């Protein structure tokens, strides 16, 4: 079972100012994916890795992409 962080909410006082600790919401991946209409796709690990790296090459720094490459090994 995979768990995802599905939301973060800041606590606010009566005046709307940030006050106290933020709360974090967790749920199962299956529940989160279903609520967000994310379809399951069967894809080989190498193809998924290539897709993610291609995506992030265009929007992330070189340093961030290098870190992602290490994580995806």
N, C-alpha and C. Protein backbone atom coordinates (compact mmCIF):
# COMPACT_ATOMS: atom_id res chain seq x y z
N UNK A 1 0.85 -1.18 0.00
CA UNK A 1 0.00 0.00 0.00
C UNK A 1 0.89 1.24 0.00
N UNK A 2 0.66 2.13 -0.95
CA UNK A 2 1.40 3.39 -1.04
C UNK A 2 0.59 4.49 -0.37
N UNK A 3 1.28 5.35 0.37
CA UNK A 3 0.65 6.48 1.05
C UNK A 3 1.17 7.77 0.43
N UNK A 4 0.27 8.73 0.19
CA UNK A 4 0.66 10.02 -0.38
C UNK A 4 0.23 11.14 0.55
N UNK A 5 0.91 12.28 0.44
CA UNK A 5 0.47 13.49 1.14
C UNK A 5 -0.56 14.14 0.23
N UNK A 6 -1.79 14.21 0.69
CA UNK A 6 -2.85 14.70 -0.17
C UNK A 6 -3.25 16.15 0.10
N UNK A 7 -2.65 16.76 1.12
CA UNK A 7 -2.97 18.15 1.37
C UNK A 7 -2.27 18.70 2.59
N UNK A 8 -2.09 20.00 2.58
CA UNK A 8 -1.51 20.72 3.71
C UNK A 8 -2.37 21.95 3.94
N UNK A 9 -2.69 22.20 5.20
CA UNK A 9 -3.53 23.35 5.50
C UNK A 9 -2.89 24.14 6.65
N UNK A 10 -2.74 25.45 6.43
CA UNK A 10 -2.20 26.30 7.48
C UNK A 10 -3.30 26.67 8.47
N UNK A 11 -2.94 26.68 9.74
CA UNK A 11 -3.90 27.14 10.75
C UNK A 11 -3.96 28.65 10.72
N UNK A 12 -5.16 29.18 10.84
CA UNK A 12 -5.38 30.64 10.84
C UNK A 12 -6.21 31.03 12.05
N UNK A 13 -5.93 32.21 12.58
CA UNK A 13 -6.74 32.70 13.70
C UNK A 13 -7.96 33.44 13.17
N UNK A 14 -8.75 34.05 14.04
CA UNK A 14 -9.99 34.72 13.65
C UNK A 14 -9.73 35.89 12.69
N UNK A 15 -8.53 36.47 12.76
CA UNK A 15 -8.18 37.59 11.88
C UNK A 15 -7.60 37.12 10.54
N UNK A 16 -7.49 35.81 10.37
CA UNK A 16 -6.96 35.27 9.12
C UNK A 16 -5.45 35.18 9.06
N UNK A 17 -4.79 35.44 10.20
CA UNK A 17 -3.33 35.37 10.23
C UNK A 17 -2.88 33.95 10.53
N UNK A 18 -1.74 33.57 9.97
CA UNK A 18 -1.19 32.24 10.24
C UNK A 18 -0.91 32.13 11.73
N UNK A 19 -1.38 31.00 12.30
CA UNK A 19 -1.28 30.86 13.75
C UNK A 19 -1.12 29.38 14.09
N UNK A 20 0.05 28.96 14.51
CA UNK A 20 0.25 27.57 14.93
C UNK A 20 0.80 26.70 13.81
N UNK A 21 0.79 25.40 14.08
CA UNK A 21 1.35 24.42 13.15
C UNK A 21 0.38 24.11 12.02
N UNK A 22 0.94 23.90 10.85
CA UNK A 22 0.13 23.45 9.72
C UNK A 22 -0.22 21.98 9.91
N UNK A 23 -1.31 21.54 9.34
CA UNK A 23 -1.67 20.14 9.41
C UNK A 23 -1.49 19.50 8.04
N UNK A 24 -1.13 18.23 8.04
CA UNK A 24 -0.89 17.49 6.81
C UNK A 24 -1.88 16.34 6.72
N UNK A 25 -2.42 16.15 5.53
CA UNK A 25 -3.40 15.08 5.30
C UNK A 25 -2.77 13.98 4.47
N UNK A 26 -2.95 12.72 4.89
CA UNK A 26 -2.42 11.56 4.19
C UNK A 26 -3.56 10.65 3.76
N UNK A 27 -3.36 9.93 2.66
CA UNK A 27 -4.32 8.91 2.25
C UNK A 27 -3.62 7.90 1.35
N UNK A 28 -4.30 6.82 1.05
CA UNK A 28 -3.69 5.82 0.18
C UNK A 28 -3.62 6.36 -1.24
N UNK A 29 -2.65 5.87 -1.99
CA UNK A 29 -2.51 6.29 -3.38
C UNK A 29 -3.77 5.96 -4.18
N UNK A 30 -4.31 4.75 -3.96
CA UNK A 30 -5.50 4.35 -4.72
C UNK A 30 -6.66 5.32 -4.51
N UNK A 31 -6.87 5.74 -3.26
CA UNK A 31 -7.94 6.69 -2.95
C UNK A 31 -7.66 8.04 -3.61
N UNK A 32 -6.43 8.53 -3.47
CA UNK A 32 -6.05 9.82 -4.03
C UNK A 32 -6.16 9.81 -5.56
N UNK A 33 -5.65 8.76 -6.20
CA UNK A 33 -5.70 8.67 -7.66
C UNK A 33 -7.14 8.62 -8.15
N UNK A 34 -8.00 7.88 -7.46
CA UNK A 34 -9.40 7.81 -7.84
C UNK A 34 -10.10 9.15 -7.75
N UNK A 35 -9.85 9.89 -6.67
CA UNK A 35 -10.48 11.21 -6.50
C UNK A 35 -9.99 12.21 -7.54
N UNK A 36 -8.77 12.03 -8.02
CA UNK A 36 -8.18 12.97 -8.96
C UNK A 36 -8.19 12.46 -10.41
N UNK A 37 -8.98 11.42 -10.65
CA UNK A 37 -9.15 10.86 -12.00
C UNK A 37 -7.82 10.53 -12.68
N UNK A 38 -6.90 9.94 -11.92
CA UNK A 38 -5.61 9.53 -12.47
C UNK A 38 -5.71 8.07 -12.86
N UNK A 39 -5.50 7.80 -14.12
CA UNK A 39 -5.63 6.44 -14.63
C UNK A 39 -4.33 5.66 -14.42
N UNK A 40 -4.48 4.38 -14.15
CA UNK A 40 -3.33 3.48 -14.05
C UNK A 40 -2.87 3.15 -15.46
N UNK A 41 -1.56 3.24 -15.68
CA UNK A 41 -1.03 2.84 -16.98
C UNK A 41 0.08 1.82 -16.74
N UNK A 42 0.11 0.82 -17.57
CA UNK A 42 1.17 -0.19 -17.49
C UNK A 42 2.30 0.28 -18.39
N UNK A 43 3.46 0.53 -17.80
CA UNK A 43 4.60 1.03 -18.56
C UNK A 43 5.87 0.44 -17.96
N UNK A 44 6.82 0.17 -18.82
CA UNK A 44 8.09 -0.37 -18.35
C UNK A 44 8.82 0.69 -17.53
N UNK A 45 9.57 0.25 -16.53
CA UNK A 45 10.27 1.17 -15.65
C UNK A 45 11.19 2.11 -16.42
N UNK A 46 11.93 1.60 -17.39
CA UNK A 46 12.86 2.43 -18.16
C UNK A 46 12.12 3.51 -18.96
N UNK A 47 10.97 3.16 -19.53
CA UNK A 47 10.17 4.15 -20.28
C UNK A 47 9.65 5.24 -19.35
N UNK A 48 9.21 4.84 -18.16
CA UNK A 48 8.72 5.81 -17.18
C UNK A 48 9.85 6.75 -16.75
N UNK A 49 11.03 6.17 -16.53
CA UNK A 49 12.20 6.97 -16.15
C UNK A 49 12.51 8.00 -17.24
N UNK A 50 12.53 7.57 -18.49
CA UNK A 50 12.82 8.47 -19.61
C UNK A 50 11.77 9.58 -19.71
N UNK A 51 10.50 9.22 -19.51
CA UNK A 51 9.42 10.21 -19.57
C UNK A 51 9.62 11.28 -18.50
N UNK A 52 9.90 10.85 -17.27
CA UNK A 52 10.08 11.82 -16.18
C UNK A 52 11.28 12.72 -16.41
N UNK A 53 12.39 12.13 -16.84
CA UNK A 53 13.58 12.94 -17.08
C UNK A 53 13.35 13.93 -18.22
N UNK A 54 12.73 13.49 -19.31
CA UNK A 54 12.42 14.40 -20.42
C UNK A 54 11.55 15.56 -19.94
N UNK A 55 10.57 15.25 -19.12
CA UNK A 55 9.68 16.29 -18.60
C UNK A 55 10.45 17.32 -17.77
N UNK A 56 11.26 16.84 -16.84
CA UNK A 56 11.94 17.75 -15.91
C UNK A 56 13.14 18.46 -16.51
N UNK A 57 13.72 17.94 -17.61
CA UNK A 57 14.80 18.65 -18.28
C UNK A 57 14.34 20.04 -18.71
N UNK A 58 13.09 20.17 -19.09
CA UNK A 58 12.58 21.45 -19.57
C UNK A 58 12.18 22.44 -18.50
N UNK A 59 12.00 21.98 -17.27
CA UNK A 59 11.47 22.90 -16.25
C UNK A 59 12.30 22.98 -14.97
N UNK A 60 13.28 22.10 -14.81
CA UNK A 60 14.07 22.08 -13.57
C UNK A 60 15.52 22.43 -13.86
N UNK A 61 16.24 22.80 -12.82
CA UNK A 61 17.66 23.12 -12.97
C UNK A 61 18.45 21.85 -13.27
N UNK A 62 19.63 22.04 -13.84
CA UNK A 62 20.50 20.89 -14.13
C UNK A 62 20.80 20.09 -12.87
N UNK A 63 21.04 20.80 -11.78
CA UNK A 63 21.35 20.16 -10.50
C UNK A 63 20.17 19.31 -10.02
N UNK A 64 18.97 19.83 -10.17
CA UNK A 64 17.77 19.08 -9.74
C UNK A 64 17.59 17.83 -10.59
N UNK A 65 17.83 17.94 -11.89
CA UNK A 65 17.68 16.79 -12.78
C UNK A 65 18.73 15.72 -12.45
N UNK A 66 19.94 16.14 -12.14
CA UNK A 66 20.98 15.18 -11.76
C UNK A 66 20.58 14.41 -10.50
N UNK A 67 19.99 15.10 -9.53
CA UNK A 67 19.53 14.44 -8.31
C UNK A 67 18.40 13.46 -8.63
N UNK A 68 17.49 13.88 -9.52
CA UNK A 68 16.40 13.00 -9.91
C UNK A 68 16.93 11.75 -10.62
N UNK A 69 17.91 11.92 -11.47
CA UNK A 69 18.52 10.77 -12.16
C UNK A 69 19.04 9.75 -11.16
N UNK A 70 19.68 10.22 -10.10
CA UNK A 70 20.20 9.32 -9.07
C UNK A 70 19.06 8.60 -8.35
N UNK A 71 17.98 9.31 -8.08
CA UNK A 71 16.84 8.70 -7.39
C UNK A 71 16.15 7.64 -8.23
N UNK A 72 16.17 7.82 -9.54
CA UNK A 72 15.45 6.92 -10.43
C UNK A 72 16.28 5.72 -10.89
N UNK A 73 17.49 5.59 -10.40
CA UNK A 73 18.33 4.43 -10.79
C UNK A 73 17.77 3.13 -10.28
